[in-house]
Amino acid sequence: MAKVGVEQSLTNIQQVLREKGYDVVELKQESDAQNCDCCVVTGLDSNVMGMSDTSTKGSVIDANGMSADEVCRQVESRLQ
């Protein structure tokens, strides 16, 4: 199954993705995003420094304002 990186604070989303069989990795630092097929972030500290370096080739989903089910649907659609 796909490897999905999820920010630490999004525990409800981590739980739902694990239940669906995804390999969930907590994003604590930049290197955690490497080799992830998709990453889910809160968007709260989005591009604070104005830099455009990326640590992953996978999709990045901003979970701000979305339910755990909505995020799961986004993950599933991006990984197809």
N, C-alpha and C. Protein backbone atom coordinates (compact mmCIF):
# COMPACT_ATOMS: atom_id res chain seq x y z
N MET A 1 0.84 -1.18 0.00
CA MET A 1 0.00 0.00 0.00
C MET A 1 0.88 1.25 0.00
N ALA A 2 0.28 2.35 -0.37
CA ALA A 2 1.00 3.61 -0.49
C ALA A 2 1.47 4.13 0.87
N LYS A 3 2.59 4.85 0.83
CA LYS A 3 3.16 5.46 2.03
C LYS A 3 2.71 6.92 2.07
N VAL A 4 2.01 7.28 3.17
CA VAL A 4 1.45 8.62 3.29
C VAL A 4 2.04 9.31 4.52
N GLY A 5 2.63 10.47 4.33
CA GLY A 5 3.15 11.26 5.43
C GLY A 5 2.07 12.19 5.95
N VAL A 6 1.89 12.23 7.27
CA VAL A 6 0.85 13.07 7.87
C VAL A 6 1.47 13.86 9.02
N GLU A 7 1.19 15.16 9.09
CA GLU A 7 1.70 15.99 10.18
C GLU A 7 1.26 15.43 11.52
N GLN A 8 2.12 15.60 12.53
CA GLN A 8 1.89 15.05 13.87
C GLN A 8 0.53 15.41 14.46
N SER A 9 0.09 16.63 14.28
CA SER A 9 -1.14 17.10 14.93
C SER A 9 -2.41 16.51 14.33
N LEU A 10 -2.30 15.87 13.19
CA LEU A 10 -3.48 15.32 12.50
C LEU A 10 -3.70 13.86 12.85
N THR A 11 -3.84 13.58 14.14
CA THR A 11 -3.94 12.19 14.61
C THR A 11 -5.20 11.49 14.11
N ASN A 12 -6.32 12.22 13.99
CA ASN A 12 -7.54 11.59 13.50
C ASN A 12 -7.39 11.14 12.05
N ILE A 13 -6.68 11.91 11.25
CA ILE A 13 -6.44 11.54 9.85
C ILE A 13 -5.48 10.37 9.78
N GLN A 14 -4.45 10.36 10.63
CA GLN A 14 -3.52 9.22 10.68
C GLN A 14 -4.28 7.94 10.97
N GLN A 15 -5.19 7.98 11.93
CA GLN A 15 -5.94 6.80 12.33
C GLN A 15 -6.81 6.28 11.19
N VAL A 16 -7.53 7.17 10.52
CA VAL A 16 -8.42 6.76 9.42
C VAL A 16 -7.61 6.16 8.28
N LEU A 17 -6.48 6.77 7.94
CA LEU A 17 -5.65 6.24 6.85
C LEU A 17 -5.08 4.87 7.21
N ARG A 18 -4.67 4.67 8.46
CA ARG A 18 -4.17 3.36 8.90
C ARG A 18 -5.27 2.30 8.79
N GLU A 19 -6.49 2.67 9.18
CA GLU A 19 -7.63 1.75 9.09
C GLU A 19 -7.90 1.33 7.65
N LYS A 20 -7.59 2.23 6.72
CA LYS A 20 -7.79 1.92 5.29
C LYS A 20 -6.60 1.17 4.70
N GLY A 21 -5.58 0.91 5.52
CA GLY A 21 -4.46 0.09 5.07
C GLY A 21 -3.25 0.84 4.57
N TYR A 22 -3.23 2.16 4.69
CA TYR A 22 -2.07 2.93 4.24
C TYR A 22 -0.94 2.84 5.25
N ASP A 23 0.28 2.91 4.73
CA ASP A 23 1.48 2.98 5.57
C ASP A 23 1.66 4.45 5.94
N VAL A 24 1.32 4.81 7.19
CA VAL A 24 1.32 6.21 7.62
C VAL A 24 2.62 6.54 8.36
N VAL A 25 3.25 7.63 7.96
CA VAL A 25 4.48 8.12 8.58
C VAL A 25 4.19 9.49 9.17
N GLU A 26 4.55 9.70 10.44
CA GLU A 26 4.38 11.02 11.05
C GLU A 26 5.44 11.96 10.53
N LEU A 27 5.02 13.13 10.09
CA LEU A 27 5.95 14.14 9.59
C LEU A 27 6.40 15.02 10.75
N LYS A 28 7.60 14.74 11.25
CA LYS A 28 8.17 15.51 12.35
C LYS A 28 9.24 16.46 11.84
N GLN A 29 9.93 16.04 10.79
CA GLN A 29 10.98 16.86 10.19
C GLN A 29 10.97 16.63 8.69
N GLU A 30 11.71 17.45 8.00
CA GLU A 30 11.71 17.44 6.54
C GLU A 30 12.04 16.07 5.95
N SER A 31 12.99 15.37 6.53
CA SER A 31 13.43 14.09 5.98
C SER A 31 12.34 13.01 6.06
N ASP A 32 11.35 13.18 6.93
CA ASP A 32 10.27 12.20 7.04
C ASP A 32 9.43 12.13 5.77
N ALA A 33 9.40 13.20 4.99
CA ALA A 33 8.59 13.25 3.78
C ALA A 33 9.21 12.50 2.61
N GLN A 34 10.49 12.18 2.71
CA GLN A 34 11.16 11.47 1.62
C GLN A 34 10.53 10.10 1.44
N ASN A 35 10.37 9.70 0.20
CA ASN A 35 9.82 8.41 -0.19
C ASN A 35 8.33 8.26 0.11
N CYS A 36 7.64 9.34 0.47
CA CYS A 36 6.19 9.29 0.67
C CYS A 36 5.50 9.51 -0.69
N ASP A 37 4.44 8.76 -0.92
CA ASP A 37 3.68 8.91 -2.16
C ASP A 37 2.77 10.14 -2.09
N CYS A 38 2.45 10.55 -0.87
CA CYS A 38 1.55 11.67 -0.66
C CYS A 38 1.80 12.21 0.75
N CYS A 39 1.60 13.50 0.98
CA CYS A 39 1.75 14.10 2.30
C CYS A 39 0.52 14.92 2.64
N VAL A 40 0.10 14.85 3.90
CA VAL A 40 -1.04 15.63 4.38
C VAL A 40 -0.52 16.60 5.43
N VAL A 41 -0.78 17.89 5.22
CA VAL A 41 -0.29 18.92 6.12
C VAL A 41 -1.45 19.80 6.59
N THR A 42 -1.23 20.53 7.69
CA THR A 42 -2.27 21.41 8.21
C THR A 42 -2.37 22.70 7.41
N GLY A 43 -1.27 23.12 6.82
CA GLY A 43 -1.26 24.36 6.07
C GLY A 43 -1.06 25.58 6.95
N LEU A 44 -0.96 25.38 8.27
CA LEU A 44 -0.82 26.51 9.19
C LEU A 44 0.51 27.23 9.03
N ASP A 45 1.56 26.49 8.71
CA ASP A 45 2.87 27.14 8.54
C ASP A 45 3.32 27.03 7.09
N SER A 46 2.38 27.12 6.19
CA SER A 46 2.64 26.96 4.77
C SER A 46 3.53 28.08 4.23
N ASN A 47 4.72 27.69 3.80
CA ASN A 47 5.65 28.58 3.12
C ASN A 47 5.91 29.88 3.88
N VAL A 48 6.15 29.78 5.16
CA VAL A 48 6.42 30.95 5.99
C VAL A 48 7.65 31.70 5.51
N MET A 49 8.66 30.96 5.08
CA MET A 49 9.92 31.57 4.66
C MET A 49 9.92 32.00 3.20
N GLY A 50 8.89 31.65 2.44
CA GLY A 50 8.84 32.01 1.04
C GLY A 50 9.78 31.19 0.18
N MET A 51 10.13 29.99 0.64
CA MET A 51 11.04 29.12 -0.10
C MET A 51 10.24 28.10 -0.89
N SER A 52 10.81 27.60 -1.98
CA SER A 52 10.09 26.65 -2.81
C SER A 52 10.81 25.31 -2.95
N ASP A 53 11.68 24.97 -2.00
CA ASP A 53 12.35 23.67 -2.02
C ASP A 53 11.33 22.60 -1.66
N THR A 54 11.48 21.42 -2.26
CA THR A 54 10.57 20.33 -1.93
C THR A 54 11.36 19.13 -1.45
N SER A 55 10.74 18.36 -0.55
CA SER A 55 11.39 17.17 0.00
C SER A 55 10.77 15.90 -0.53
N THR A 56 9.70 16.01 -1.28
CA THR A 56 9.00 14.84 -1.78
C THR A 56 8.52 15.08 -3.20
N LYS A 57 8.43 14.01 -3.95
CA LYS A 57 7.92 14.09 -5.31
C LYS A 57 6.40 13.86 -5.32
N GLY A 58 5.86 13.38 -4.18
CA GLY A 58 4.44 13.07 -4.08
C GLY A 58 3.57 14.31 -3.92
N SER A 59 2.26 14.10 -4.01
CA SER A 59 1.29 15.17 -3.83
C SER A 59 1.28 15.65 -2.39
N VAL A 60 0.95 16.92 -2.21
CA VAL A 60 0.80 17.49 -0.88
C VAL A 60 -0.64 17.96 -0.75
N ILE A 61 -1.32 17.49 0.30
CA ILE A 61 -2.72 17.84 0.53
C ILE A 61 -2.80 18.73 1.76
N ASP A 62 -3.42 19.88 1.61
CA ASP A 62 -3.64 20.81 2.72
C ASP A 62 -4.97 20.43 3.37
N ALA A 63 -4.93 19.91 4.59
CA ALA A 63 -6.11 19.41 5.27
C ALA A 63 -6.92 20.50 5.97
N ASN A 64 -6.50 21.73 5.84
CA ASN A 64 -7.18 22.83 6.52
C ASN A 64 -8.65 22.91 6.12
N GLY A 65 -9.55 22.79 7.11
CA GLY A 65 -10.99 22.87 6.85
C GLY A 65 -11.63 21.61 6.31
N MET A 66 -10.88 20.51 6.25
CA MET A 66 -11.41 19.26 5.71
C MET A 66 -11.58 18.23 6.82
N SER A 67 -12.60 17.37 6.67
CA SER A 67 -12.78 16.27 7.62
C SER A 67 -11.80 15.15 7.27
N ALA A 68 -11.64 14.19 8.17
CA ALA A 68 -10.74 13.06 7.92
C ALA A 68 -11.19 12.28 6.68
N ASP A 69 -12.50 12.11 6.51
CA ASP A 69 -13.01 11.39 5.34
C ASP A 69 -12.73 12.14 4.05
N GLU A 70 -12.85 13.45 4.07
CA GLU A 70 -12.55 14.25 2.88
C GLU A 70 -11.07 14.13 2.52
N VAL A 71 -10.22 14.15 3.53
CA VAL A 71 -8.78 14.00 3.28
C VAL A 71 -8.50 12.62 2.69
N CYS A 72 -9.12 11.58 3.23
CA CYS A 72 -8.93 10.23 2.69
C CYS A 72 -9.34 10.13 1.23
N ARG A 73 -10.45 10.77 0.88
CA ARG A 73 -10.88 10.77 -0.52
C ARG A 73 -9.86 11.48 -1.40
N GLN A 74 -9.29 12.58 -0.90
CA GLN A 74 -8.24 13.29 -1.64
C GLN A 74 -7.02 12.41 -1.85
N VAL A 75 -6.61 11.72 -0.79
CA VAL A 75 -5.44 10.82 -0.87
C VAL A 75 -5.71 9.73 -1.90
N GLU A 76 -6.88 9.10 -1.82
CA GLU A 76 -7.22 8.02 -2.75
C GLU A 76 -7.24 8.51 -4.20
N SER A 77 -7.80 9.71 -4.44
CA SER A 77 -7.87 10.22 -5.82
C SER A 77 -6.49 10.58 -6.35
N ARG A 78 -5.60 11.08 -5.50
CA ARG A 78 -4.27 11.47 -5.96
C ARG A 78 -3.35 10.27 -6.20
N LEU A 79 -3.65 9.15 -5.54
CA LEU A 79 -2.77 7.99 -5.68
C LEU A 79 -3.24 7.01 -6.76
N GLN A 80 -4.31 7.33 -7.45
CA GLN A 80 -4.80 6.45 -8.52
C GLN A 80 -4.03 6.67 -9.79
